Amino acid sequence: MHEDLRAEFIRLLTEDGDTPDRRRSNYNQAIFASEDEGGWACFTETDLGMVLDKFDMAVKNLRRSK
């Protein structure tokens, strides 16, 4: 479970979702570049709240998939 949560969390942090429509449940905007690209923040004002939102979304996605 720990590995699944970590993988989903990193995916949400680094990959844009399939849709640009914020109203959709699968909307996601990456806030960090992938590790292959250096892992830098995409926005200058990335904050802890943004990161925690991605964590909450990862937990929600894993619960939904079970």
N, C-alpha and C. Protein backbone atom coordinates (compact mmCIF):
# COMPACT_ATOMS: atom_id res chain seq x y z
N MET A 1 0.83 -1.20 0.00
CA MET A 1 0.00 0.00 0.00
C MET A 1 0.87 1.26 0.00
N HIS A 2 1.92 1.26 0.81
CA HIS A 2 2.81 2.41 0.90
C HIS A 2 3.41 2.75 -0.46
N GLU A 3 3.83 1.74 -1.21
CA GLU A 3 4.42 1.97 -2.52
C GLU A 3 3.39 2.51 -3.50
N ASP A 4 2.15 2.01 -3.40
CA ASP A 4 1.08 2.50 -4.28
C ASP A 4 0.76 3.96 -4.00
N LEU A 5 0.71 4.32 -2.73
CA LEU A 5 0.43 5.70 -2.35
C LEU A 5 1.55 6.62 -2.84
N ARG A 6 2.77 6.21 -2.64
CA ARG A 6 3.92 7.01 -3.09
C ARG A 6 3.89 7.20 -4.60
N ALA A 7 3.63 6.14 -5.35
CA ALA A 7 3.60 6.21 -6.80
C ALA A 7 2.49 7.14 -7.29
N GLU A 8 1.31 7.03 -6.70
CA GLU A 8 0.18 7.88 -7.09
C GLU A 8 0.46 9.34 -6.73
N PHE A 9 1.03 9.59 -5.57
CA PHE A 9 1.37 10.93 -5.13
C PHE A 9 2.37 11.58 -6.09
N ILE A 10 3.40 10.86 -6.43
CA ILE A 10 4.41 11.39 -7.37
C ILE A 10 3.80 11.60 -8.75
N ARG A 11 2.94 10.70 -9.17
CA ARG A 11 2.27 10.88 -10.47
C ARG A 11 1.47 12.17 -10.49
N LEU A 12 0.71 12.42 -9.43
CA LEU A 12 -0.10 13.63 -9.37
C LEU A 12 0.75 14.89 -9.29
N LEU A 13 1.90 14.79 -8.65
CA LEU A 13 2.80 15.94 -8.56
C LEU A 13 3.45 16.27 -9.89
N THR A 14 3.68 15.25 -10.72
CA THR A 14 4.53 15.44 -11.90
C THR A 14 3.86 15.24 -13.26
N GLU A 15 2.61 14.80 -13.31
CA GLU A 15 1.95 14.54 -14.59
C GLU A 15 0.65 15.32 -14.72
N ASP A 16 0.47 15.97 -15.85
CA ASP A 16 -0.81 16.62 -16.13
C ASP A 16 -1.86 15.56 -16.41
N GLY A 17 -3.09 15.87 -16.06
CA GLY A 17 -4.20 14.95 -16.31
C GLY A 17 -4.59 14.94 -17.77
N ASP A 18 -5.56 14.10 -18.10
CA ASP A 18 -6.02 13.94 -19.48
C ASP A 18 -6.85 15.12 -19.97
N THR A 19 -7.44 15.86 -19.06
CA THR A 19 -8.35 16.94 -19.44
C THR A 19 -7.89 18.29 -18.90
N PRO A 20 -8.09 19.34 -19.66
CA PRO A 20 -7.79 20.69 -19.15
C PRO A 20 -8.98 21.30 -18.40
N ASP A 21 -10.08 20.56 -18.29
CA ASP A 21 -11.31 21.05 -17.67
C ASP A 21 -11.27 20.81 -16.16
N ARG A 22 -11.17 21.88 -15.38
CA ARG A 22 -11.08 21.76 -13.92
C ARG A 22 -12.33 21.15 -13.29
N ARG A 23 -13.43 21.15 -14.00
CA ARG A 23 -14.67 20.59 -13.44
C ARG A 23 -14.66 19.07 -13.44
N ARG A 24 -13.79 18.47 -14.19
CA ARG A 24 -13.73 17.00 -14.29
C ARG A 24 -12.97 16.41 -13.12
N SER A 25 -13.35 15.21 -12.72
CA SER A 25 -12.70 14.57 -11.57
C SER A 25 -11.28 14.12 -11.89
N ASN A 26 -10.96 13.90 -13.16
CA ASN A 26 -9.61 13.45 -13.51
C ASN A 26 -8.69 14.60 -13.90
N TYR A 27 -9.12 15.85 -13.62
CA TYR A 27 -8.27 17.01 -13.88
C TYR A 27 -7.06 16.99 -12.94
N ASN A 28 -5.90 17.26 -13.48
CA ASN A 28 -4.69 17.38 -12.65
C ASN A 28 -3.69 18.26 -13.39
N GLN A 29 -3.11 19.18 -12.65
CA GLN A 29 -2.05 20.01 -13.21
C GLN A 29 -0.78 19.75 -12.40
N ALA A 30 0.26 19.30 -13.08
CA ALA A 30 1.53 19.00 -12.40
C ALA A 30 2.09 20.27 -11.77
N ILE A 31 2.66 20.14 -10.58
CA ILE A 31 3.29 21.29 -9.93
C ILE A 31 4.81 21.13 -9.86
N PHE A 32 5.30 19.96 -10.25
CA PHE A 32 6.74 19.72 -10.35
C PHE A 32 7.03 19.01 -11.66
N ALA A 33 8.22 19.24 -12.21
CA ALA A 33 8.67 18.49 -13.38
C ALA A 33 9.04 17.08 -12.92
N SER A 34 9.08 16.14 -13.85
CA SER A 34 9.45 14.77 -13.49
C SER A 34 10.90 14.72 -13.02
N GLU A 35 11.26 13.63 -12.37
CA GLU A 35 12.65 13.46 -11.92
C GLU A 35 13.61 13.48 -13.09
N ASP A 36 13.18 12.93 -14.23
CA ASP A 36 14.02 12.92 -15.43
C ASP A 36 14.32 14.34 -15.92
N GLU A 37 13.39 15.25 -15.65
CA GLU A 37 13.54 16.64 -16.08
C GLU A 37 14.15 17.52 -14.99
N GLY A 38 14.51 16.93 -13.87
CA GLY A 38 15.17 17.69 -12.81
C GLY A 38 14.35 17.88 -11.55
N GLY A 39 13.05 17.63 -11.60
CA GLY A 39 12.21 17.71 -10.41
C GLY A 39 11.96 19.12 -9.90
N TRP A 40 12.22 20.13 -10.70
CA TRP A 40 12.04 21.52 -10.28
C TRP A 40 10.55 21.88 -10.21
N ALA A 41 10.24 22.90 -9.41
CA ALA A 41 8.87 23.38 -9.27
C ALA A 41 8.45 24.10 -10.54
N CYS A 42 7.25 23.83 -11.03
CA CYS A 42 6.74 24.47 -12.24
C CYS A 42 6.30 25.91 -12.00
N PHE A 43 5.96 26.23 -10.77
CA PHE A 43 5.47 27.56 -10.43
C PHE A 43 6.38 28.19 -9.39
N THR A 44 6.51 29.49 -9.41
CA THR A 44 7.41 30.16 -8.47
C THR A 44 6.84 30.21 -7.06
N GLU A 45 5.55 30.12 -6.92
CA GLU A 45 4.95 30.21 -5.59
C GLU A 45 4.32 28.89 -5.15
N THR A 46 4.96 27.79 -5.46
CA THR A 46 4.48 26.48 -5.00
C THR A 46 4.56 26.46 -3.48
N ASP A 47 3.47 26.05 -2.84
CA ASP A 47 3.47 26.04 -1.38
C ASP A 47 3.04 24.68 -0.83
N LEU A 48 3.14 24.55 0.47
CA LEU A 48 2.81 23.29 1.13
C LEU A 48 1.36 22.89 0.89
N GLY A 49 0.47 23.85 0.84
CA GLY A 49 -0.94 23.55 0.58
C GLY A 49 -1.15 22.86 -0.75
N MET A 50 -0.42 23.30 -1.76
CA MET A 50 -0.52 22.68 -3.08
C MET A 50 -0.06 21.23 -3.03
N VAL A 51 1.02 20.98 -2.31
CA VAL A 51 1.56 19.63 -2.19
C VAL A 51 0.58 18.75 -1.40
N LEU A 52 0.03 19.27 -0.32
CA LEU A 52 -0.91 18.49 0.49
C LEU A 52 -2.20 18.20 -0.27
N ASP A 53 -2.63 19.10 -1.13
CA ASP A 53 -3.80 18.83 -1.97
C ASP A 53 -3.55 17.62 -2.86
N LYS A 54 -2.35 17.51 -3.40
CA LYS A 54 -1.99 16.36 -4.24
C LYS A 54 -1.97 15.08 -3.42
N PHE A 55 -1.48 15.16 -2.18
CA PHE A 55 -1.47 13.99 -1.31
C PHE A 55 -2.90 13.54 -1.02
N ASP A 56 -3.78 14.48 -0.68
CA ASP A 56 -5.18 14.14 -0.42
C ASP A 56 -5.82 13.50 -1.65
N MET A 57 -5.51 14.03 -2.82
CA MET A 57 -6.05 13.47 -4.06
C MET A 57 -5.52 12.05 -4.29
N ALA A 58 -4.26 11.81 -3.97
CA ALA A 58 -3.68 10.47 -4.13
C ALA A 58 -4.39 9.47 -3.23
N VAL A 59 -4.63 9.85 -1.99
CA VAL A 59 -5.34 8.97 -1.06
C VAL A 59 -6.75 8.69 -1.58
N LYS A 60 -7.43 9.72 -2.04
CA LYS A 60 -8.78 9.57 -2.57
C LYS A 60 -8.79 8.64 -3.79
N ASN A 61 -7.84 8.80 -4.68
CA ASN A 61 -7.76 7.95 -5.88
C ASN A 61 -7.52 6.49 -5.51
N LEU A 62 -6.66 6.24 -4.53
CA LEU A 62 -6.39 4.86 -4.14
C LEU A 62 -7.61 4.23 -3.47
N ARG A 63 -8.32 4.99 -2.67
CA ARG A 63 -9.54 4.47 -2.03
C ARG A 63 -10.60 4.15 -3.08
N ARG A 64 -10.70 5.01 -4.08
CA ARG A 64 -11.69 4.82 -5.14
C ARG A 64 -11.37 3.59 -5.99
N SER A 65 -10.07 3.29 -6.18
CA SER A 65 -9.68 2.19 -7.06
C SER A 65 -9.84 0.82 -6.39
N LYS A 66 -10.08 0.78 -5.11
CA LYS A 66 -10.20 -0.52 -4.42
C LYS A 66 -11.62 -0.97 -4.30
